[in-house]
């Protein structure tokens, strides 16, 4: 059974940065794509970023492109989301997921419990 555990969330001022981590256990991490999604209160879950199993392919939503960077370390079974120039509208619970990749939640089989990111002055 795959287990995903996110960390690194918190409260940050607008314009600040955070780095989220997602540690995987219980499976062959390097065989699968990883994704980050987020869900704000009262809104549907939305795609943020994805990375291929090798790390050579990445994709981003238009709302975070140029500000967020997804990366992975297969030796550590960990995927990261570096978030820069944060805006209040980035406030959400952020989830990592493992699966076939891309921007659709249905493409992912395993999900973490989420970590809260709050951008506020």
N, C-alpha and C. Protein backbone atom coordinates (compact mmCIF):
# COMPACT_ATOMS: atom_id res chain seq x y z
N UNK A 1 0.84 -1.19 0.00
CA UNK A 1 0.00 0.00 0.00
C UNK A 1 0.88 1.24 0.00
N UNK A 2 0.61 2.12 -0.94
CA UNK A 2 1.37 3.36 -1.04
C UNK A 2 0.86 4.36 -0.01
N UNK A 3 1.79 5.03 0.63
CA UNK A 3 1.44 6.10 1.56
C UNK A 3 2.18 7.36 1.17
N UNK A 4 1.46 8.46 1.10
CA UNK A 4 2.04 9.75 0.74
C UNK A 4 1.82 10.72 1.90
N UNK A 5 2.88 11.38 2.32
CA UNK A 5 2.79 12.31 3.45
C UNK A 5 3.38 13.65 3.04
N UNK A 6 2.52 14.68 3.03
CA UNK A 6 2.96 16.02 2.67
C UNK A 6 3.45 16.77 3.91
N UNK A 7 4.34 17.71 3.69
CA UNK A 7 4.81 18.59 4.76
C UNK A 7 5.28 19.90 4.14
N UNK A 8 5.49 20.90 5.00
CA UNK A 8 6.03 22.17 4.53
C UNK A 8 5.03 23.29 4.40
N UNK A 9 3.75 23.01 4.64
CA UNK A 9 2.77 24.07 4.57
C UNK A 9 2.89 25.02 5.75
N UNK A 10 2.12 26.12 5.66
CA UNK A 10 2.14 27.08 6.75
C UNK A 10 1.57 28.41 6.32
N UNK A 11 1.82 29.42 7.15
CA UNK A 11 1.36 30.78 6.89
C UNK A 11 2.52 31.59 6.32
N UNK A 12 2.28 32.28 5.23
CA UNK A 12 3.32 33.08 4.59
C UNK A 12 2.69 34.37 4.08
N UNK A 13 3.47 35.44 4.06
CA UNK A 13 2.98 36.71 3.55
C UNK A 13 2.96 36.72 2.03
N UNK A 14 2.09 37.53 1.44
CA UNK A 14 2.10 37.66 -0.03
C UNK A 14 3.50 38.02 -0.53
N UNK A 15 3.89 37.38 -1.61
CA UNK A 15 5.23 37.57 -2.16
C UNK A 15 6.27 36.62 -1.59
N UNK A 16 5.91 35.89 -0.56
CA UNK A 16 6.83 34.97 0.07
C UNK A 16 6.92 33.64 -0.65
N UNK A 17 7.69 32.72 -0.05
CA UNK A 17 7.94 31.41 -0.64
C UNK A 17 7.73 30.31 0.38
N UNK A 18 7.39 29.15 -0.14
CA UNK A 18 7.31 27.93 0.66
C UNK A 18 7.75 26.78 -0.22
N UNK A 19 8.29 25.73 0.41
CA UNK A 19 8.58 24.50 -0.32
C UNK A 19 7.83 23.36 0.33
N UNK A 20 6.96 22.74 -0.43
CA UNK A 20 6.24 21.56 0.04
C UNK A 20 7.02 20.31 -0.33
N UNK A 21 6.93 19.32 0.54
CA UNK A 21 7.53 18.01 0.29
C UNK A 21 6.45 16.95 0.40
N UNK A 22 6.65 15.88 -0.32
CA UNK A 22 5.74 14.73 -0.25
C UNK A 22 6.59 13.47 -0.26
N UNK A 23 6.60 12.78 0.86
CA UNK A 23 7.39 11.56 1.00
C UNK A 23 6.51 10.35 0.75
N UNK A 24 6.99 9.47 -0.11
CA UNK A 24 6.23 8.27 -0.47
C UNK A 24 6.86 7.04 0.15
N UNK A 25 6.01 6.08 0.50
CA UNK A 25 6.48 4.81 1.01
C UNK A 25 5.52 3.71 0.55
N UNK A 26 6.04 2.49 0.54
CA UNK A 26 5.19 1.36 0.24
C UNK A 26 5.05 0.98 -1.21
N UNK A 27 5.78 1.61 -2.08
CA UNK A 27 5.68 1.27 -3.49
C UNK A 27 6.97 1.58 -4.21
N UNK A 28 6.97 1.44 -5.54
CA UNK A 28 8.15 1.78 -6.33
C UNK A 28 7.98 3.19 -6.87
N UNK A 29 8.47 4.12 -6.09
CA UNK A 29 8.24 5.55 -6.36
C UNK A 29 8.67 5.94 -7.77
N UNK A 30 9.82 5.44 -8.19
CA UNK A 30 10.39 5.90 -9.46
C UNK A 30 9.64 5.40 -10.68
N UNK A 31 8.65 4.53 -10.49
CA UNK A 31 7.88 4.02 -11.62
C UNK A 31 6.71 4.91 -12.01
N UNK A 32 6.39 5.90 -11.18
CA UNK A 32 5.14 6.63 -11.35
C UNK A 32 5.35 8.14 -11.44
N UNK A 33 4.45 8.75 -12.18
CA UNK A 33 4.37 10.20 -12.18
C UNK A 33 3.79 10.68 -10.86
N UNK A 34 4.09 11.94 -10.54
CA UNK A 34 3.57 12.55 -9.32
C UNK A 34 2.90 13.87 -9.66
N UNK A 35 1.92 14.23 -8.90
CA UNK A 35 1.23 15.48 -9.13
C UNK A 35 0.93 16.21 -7.84
N UNK A 36 0.71 17.50 -7.97
CA UNK A 36 0.24 18.34 -6.86
C UNK A 36 -1.10 18.94 -7.29
N UNK A 37 -2.04 18.88 -6.36
CA UNK A 37 -3.35 19.49 -6.55
C UNK A 37 -3.63 20.36 -5.33
N UNK A 38 -4.64 21.21 -5.44
CA UNK A 38 -5.01 22.03 -4.29
C UNK A 38 -6.52 22.23 -4.27
N UNK A 39 -7.01 22.50 -3.08
CA UNK A 39 -8.44 22.77 -2.92
C UNK A 39 -8.63 23.88 -1.91
N UNK A 40 -9.23 24.96 -2.37
CA UNK A 40 -9.55 26.09 -1.50
C UNK A 40 -10.96 25.89 -0.93
N UNK A 41 -11.26 26.54 0.19
CA UNK A 41 -12.59 26.40 0.78
C UNK A 41 -13.69 26.79 -0.20
N UNK A 42 -14.68 25.93 -0.35
CA UNK A 42 -15.80 26.22 -1.23
C UNK A 42 -15.53 26.05 -2.70
N UNK A 43 -14.33 25.56 -3.03
CA UNK A 43 -13.98 25.39 -4.44
C UNK A 43 -13.64 23.93 -4.73
N UNK A 44 -13.67 23.59 -6.01
CA UNK A 44 -13.29 22.24 -6.41
C UNK A 44 -11.77 22.09 -6.39
N UNK A 45 -11.36 20.85 -6.26
CA UNK A 45 -9.93 20.55 -6.34
C UNK A 45 -9.41 20.91 -7.74
N UNK A 46 -8.23 21.50 -7.78
CA UNK A 46 -7.65 21.87 -9.07
C UNK A 46 -6.21 21.40 -9.18
N UNK A 47 -5.84 21.14 -10.41
CA UNK A 47 -4.47 20.72 -10.74
C UNK A 47 -3.50 21.87 -10.54
N UNK A 48 -2.34 21.55 -10.01
CA UNK A 48 -1.28 22.55 -9.84
C UNK A 48 -0.07 22.23 -10.72
N UNK A 49 0.49 21.04 -10.56
CA UNK A 49 1.69 20.67 -11.31
C UNK A 49 1.84 19.16 -11.32
N UNK A 50 2.57 18.66 -12.31
CA UNK A 50 2.86 17.24 -12.41
C UNK A 50 4.26 17.03 -12.93
N UNK A 51 4.82 15.87 -12.61
CA UNK A 51 6.17 15.54 -13.05
C UNK A 51 6.20 14.07 -13.44
N UNK A 52 6.92 13.77 -14.52
CA UNK A 52 7.02 12.40 -14.99
C UNK A 52 7.85 11.55 -14.04
N UNK A 53 7.84 10.24 -14.27
CA UNK A 53 8.56 9.33 -13.38
C UNK A 53 10.05 9.64 -13.35
N UNK A 54 10.59 10.07 -14.48
CA UNK A 54 12.03 10.36 -14.57
C UNK A 54 12.38 11.77 -14.12
N UNK A 55 11.37 12.62 -14.05
CA UNK A 55 11.62 14.01 -13.72
C UNK A 55 11.91 14.90 -14.90
N UNK A 56 11.96 14.32 -16.09
CA UNK A 56 12.31 15.11 -17.26
C UNK A 56 11.13 15.86 -17.86
N UNK A 57 9.93 15.45 -17.50
CA UNK A 57 8.74 16.12 -18.02
C UNK A 57 7.93 16.74 -16.90
N UNK A 58 7.56 18.01 -17.08
CA UNK A 58 6.75 18.70 -16.07
C UNK A 58 5.63 19.46 -16.76
N UNK A 59 4.57 19.71 -16.01
CA UNK A 59 3.48 20.53 -16.52
C UNK A 59 2.90 21.33 -15.36
N UNK A 60 2.31 22.47 -15.70
CA UNK A 60 1.80 23.38 -14.67
C UNK A 60 0.46 23.97 -15.12
N UNK A 61 -0.34 24.34 -14.14
CA UNK A 61 -1.54 25.10 -14.45
C UNK A 61 -1.11 26.52 -14.80
N UNK A 62 -1.94 27.19 -15.57
CA UNK A 62 -1.61 28.56 -15.97
C UNK A 62 -1.49 29.48 -14.77
N UNK A 63 -2.24 29.19 -13.72
CA UNK A 63 -2.25 30.08 -12.56
C UNK A 63 -0.96 30.06 -11.76
N UNK A 64 -0.14 29.01 -11.92
CA UNK A 64 1.10 28.93 -11.13
C UNK A 64 2.35 28.92 -12.01
N UNK A 65 2.17 28.83 -13.32
CA UNK A 65 3.31 28.76 -14.23
C UNK A 65 4.21 29.98 -14.04
N UNK A 66 5.50 29.70 -13.91
CA UNK A 66 6.46 30.78 -13.72
C UNK A 66 6.71 31.13 -12.26
N UNK A 67 5.85 30.63 -11.38
CA UNK A 67 6.03 30.90 -9.94
C UNK A 67 6.32 29.62 -9.15
N UNK A 68 5.76 28.51 -9.57
CA UNK A 68 5.94 27.23 -8.87
C UNK A 68 6.85 26.32 -9.70
N UNK A 69 7.60 25.48 -9.00
CA UNK A 69 8.45 24.49 -9.65
C UNK A 69 8.30 23.15 -8.97
N UNK A 70 7.97 22.13 -9.76
CA UNK A 70 7.88 20.78 -9.23
C UNK A 70 9.17 20.04 -9.54
N UNK A 71 9.61 19.22 -8.59
CA UNK A 71 10.81 18.42 -8.79
C UNK A 71 10.68 17.14 -7.98
N UNK A 72 11.58 16.20 -8.23
CA UNK A 72 11.53 14.95 -7.49
C UNK A 72 12.94 14.42 -7.28
N UNK A 73 13.07 13.64 -6.22
CA UNK A 73 14.32 12.96 -5.91
C UNK A 73 13.97 11.49 -5.73
N UNK A 74 14.20 10.69 -6.75
CA UNK A 74 13.80 9.28 -6.69
C UNK A 74 14.62 8.49 -5.66
N UNK A 75 15.80 8.96 -5.35
CA UNK A 75 16.60 8.28 -4.33
C UNK A 75 16.01 8.47 -2.93
N UNK A 76 15.26 9.56 -2.78
CA UNK A 76 14.63 9.85 -1.47
C UNK A 76 13.13 9.60 -1.48
N UNK A 77 12.61 9.11 -2.60
CA UNK A 77 11.16 8.86 -2.71
C UNK A 77 10.34 10.09 -2.35
N UNK A 78 10.78 11.23 -2.84
CA UNK A 78 10.16 12.49 -2.45
C UNK A 78 9.93 13.39 -3.67
N UNK A 79 8.80 14.05 -3.67
CA UNK A 79 8.50 15.07 -4.68
C UNK A 79 8.33 16.40 -3.95
N UNK A 80 8.73 17.46 -4.63
CA UNK A 80 8.72 18.79 -4.03
C UNK A 80 7.90 19.76 -4.87
N UNK A 81 7.42 20.79 -4.21
CA UNK A 81 6.78 21.90 -4.91
C UNK A 81 7.32 23.19 -4.32
N UNK A 82 8.19 23.84 -5.09
CA UNK A 82 8.73 25.14 -4.67
C UNK A 82 7.76 26.21 -5.13
N UNK A 83 7.27 26.98 -4.18
CA UNK A 83 6.28 28.01 -4.47
C UNK A 83 6.85 29.38 -4.16
N UNK A 84 6.99 30.20 -5.17
CA UNK A 84 7.52 31.55 -5.02
C UNK A 84 6.45 32.57 -5.40
N UNK A 85 6.68 33.81 -4.99
CA UNK A 85 5.76 34.91 -5.32
C UNK A 85 4.32 34.54 -4.98
N UNK A 86 4.14 34.03 -3.79
CA UNK A 86 2.82 33.54 -3.40
C UNK A 86 1.81 34.66 -3.31
N UNK A 87 0.58 34.32 -3.66
CA UNK A 87 -0.53 35.26 -3.67
C UNK A 87 -1.62 34.76 -2.72
N UNK A 88 -2.48 35.63 -2.24
CA UNK A 88 -3.58 35.17 -1.37
C UNK A 88 -4.43 34.10 -2.04
N UNK A 89 -4.58 34.17 -3.34
CA UNK A 89 -5.39 33.18 -4.04
C UNK A 89 -4.73 31.81 -4.13
N UNK A 90 -3.50 31.69 -3.69
CA UNK A 90 -2.84 30.39 -3.59
C UNK A 90 -3.22 29.65 -2.31
N UNK A 91 -3.93 30.32 -1.42
CA UNK A 91 -4.37 29.70 -0.17
C UNK A 91 -5.26 28.50 -0.45
N UNK A 92 -4.87 27.34 0.10
CA UNK A 92 -5.60 26.10 -0.15
C UNK A 92 -4.93 24.98 0.64
N UNK A 93 -5.59 23.84 0.67
CA UNK A 93 -4.95 22.60 1.10
C UNK A 93 -4.30 21.98 -0.14
N UNK A 94 -3.03 21.67 -0.01
CA UNK A 94 -2.27 21.12 -1.13
C UNK A 94 -2.08 19.62 -0.92
N UNK A 95 -2.37 18.86 -1.99
CA UNK A 95 -2.29 17.41 -1.95
C UNK A 95 -1.29 16.91 -2.99
N UNK A 96 -0.50 15.92 -2.61
CA UNK A 96 0.29 15.24 -3.62
C UNK A 96 -0.41 13.93 -3.99
N UNK A 97 -0.11 13.46 -5.18
CA UNK A 97 -0.75 12.26 -5.68
C UNK A 97 0.21 11.49 -6.57
N UNK A 98 0.01 10.20 -6.64
CA UNK A 98 0.85 9.32 -7.46
C UNK A 98 0.00 8.58 -8.48
N UNK A 99 0.48 8.52 -9.71
CA UNK A 99 -0.29 7.81 -10.72
C UNK A 99 0.32 7.92 -12.09
N UNK A 100 -0.55 8.12 -13.10
CA UNK A 100 -0.11 8.12 -14.49
C UNK A 100 0.30 9.50 -14.98
N UNK A 101 0.03 10.52 -14.19
CA UNK A 101 0.45 11.86 -14.55
C UNK A 101 -0.63 12.68 -15.25
N UNK A 102 -0.30 13.91 -15.58
CA UNK A 102 -1.25 14.79 -16.23
C UNK A 102 -2.05 15.60 -15.23
N UNK A 103 -3.05 16.33 -15.75
CA UNK A 103 -3.79 17.26 -14.93
C UNK A 103 -5.12 16.78 -14.40
N UNK A 104 -5.47 15.55 -14.65
CA UNK A 104 -6.75 15.03 -14.20
C UNK A 104 -6.61 14.21 -12.93
N UNK A 105 -7.45 14.50 -11.95
CA UNK A 105 -7.38 13.76 -10.71
C UNK A 105 -7.60 12.28 -10.88
N UNK A 106 -8.40 11.91 -11.88
CA UNK A 106 -8.69 10.49 -12.12
C UNK A 106 -7.46 9.72 -12.56
N UNK A 107 -6.43 10.41 -12.94
CA UNK A 107 -5.20 9.74 -13.38
C UNK A 107 -4.34 9.26 -12.22
N UNK A 108 -4.73 9.63 -11.00
CA UNK A 108 -3.91 9.34 -9.83
C UNK A 108 -4.62 8.35 -8.91
N UNK A 109 -3.87 7.37 -8.44
CA UNK A 109 -4.44 6.31 -7.62
C UNK A 109 -4.27 6.51 -6.13
N UNK A 110 -3.22 7.24 -5.76
CA UNK A 110 -2.92 7.42 -4.34
C UNK A 110 -2.79 8.91 -4.03
N UNK A 111 -3.29 9.28 -2.85
CA UNK A 111 -3.31 10.68 -2.45
C UNK A 111 -2.82 10.82 -1.01
N UNK A 112 -2.17 11.95 -0.76
CA UNK A 112 -1.78 12.26 0.61
C UNK A 112 -2.93 12.91 1.36
N UNK A 113 -2.67 13.24 2.62
CA UNK A 113 -3.72 13.81 3.47
C UNK A 113 -3.83 15.32 3.34
N UNK A 114 -2.85 15.93 2.70
CA UNK A 114 -2.89 17.36 2.45
C UNK A 114 -2.13 18.19 3.47
N UNK A 115 -1.67 19.35 3.05
CA UNK A 115 -1.02 20.31 3.93
C UNK A 115 -1.56 21.70 3.62
N UNK A 116 -1.86 22.45 4.67
CA UNK A 116 -2.50 23.76 4.50
C UNK A 116 -1.45 24.82 4.16
N UNK A 117 -1.75 25.59 3.14
CA UNK A 117 -0.95 26.76 2.78
C UNK A 117 -1.86 27.98 2.88
N UNK A 118 -1.45 28.96 3.68
CA UNK A 118 -2.23 30.18 3.85
C UNK A 118 -1.33 31.37 3.51
N UNK A 119 -1.78 32.17 2.55
CA UNK A 119 -1.03 33.35 2.14
C UNK A 119 -1.82 34.58 2.58
N UNK A 120 -1.29 35.27 3.57
CA UNK A 120 -2.01 36.40 4.15
C UNK A 120 -1.04 37.32 4.86
N UNK A 121 -1.37 38.60 4.85
CA UNK A 121 -0.57 39.58 5.58
C UNK A 121 -1.13 39.79 6.99
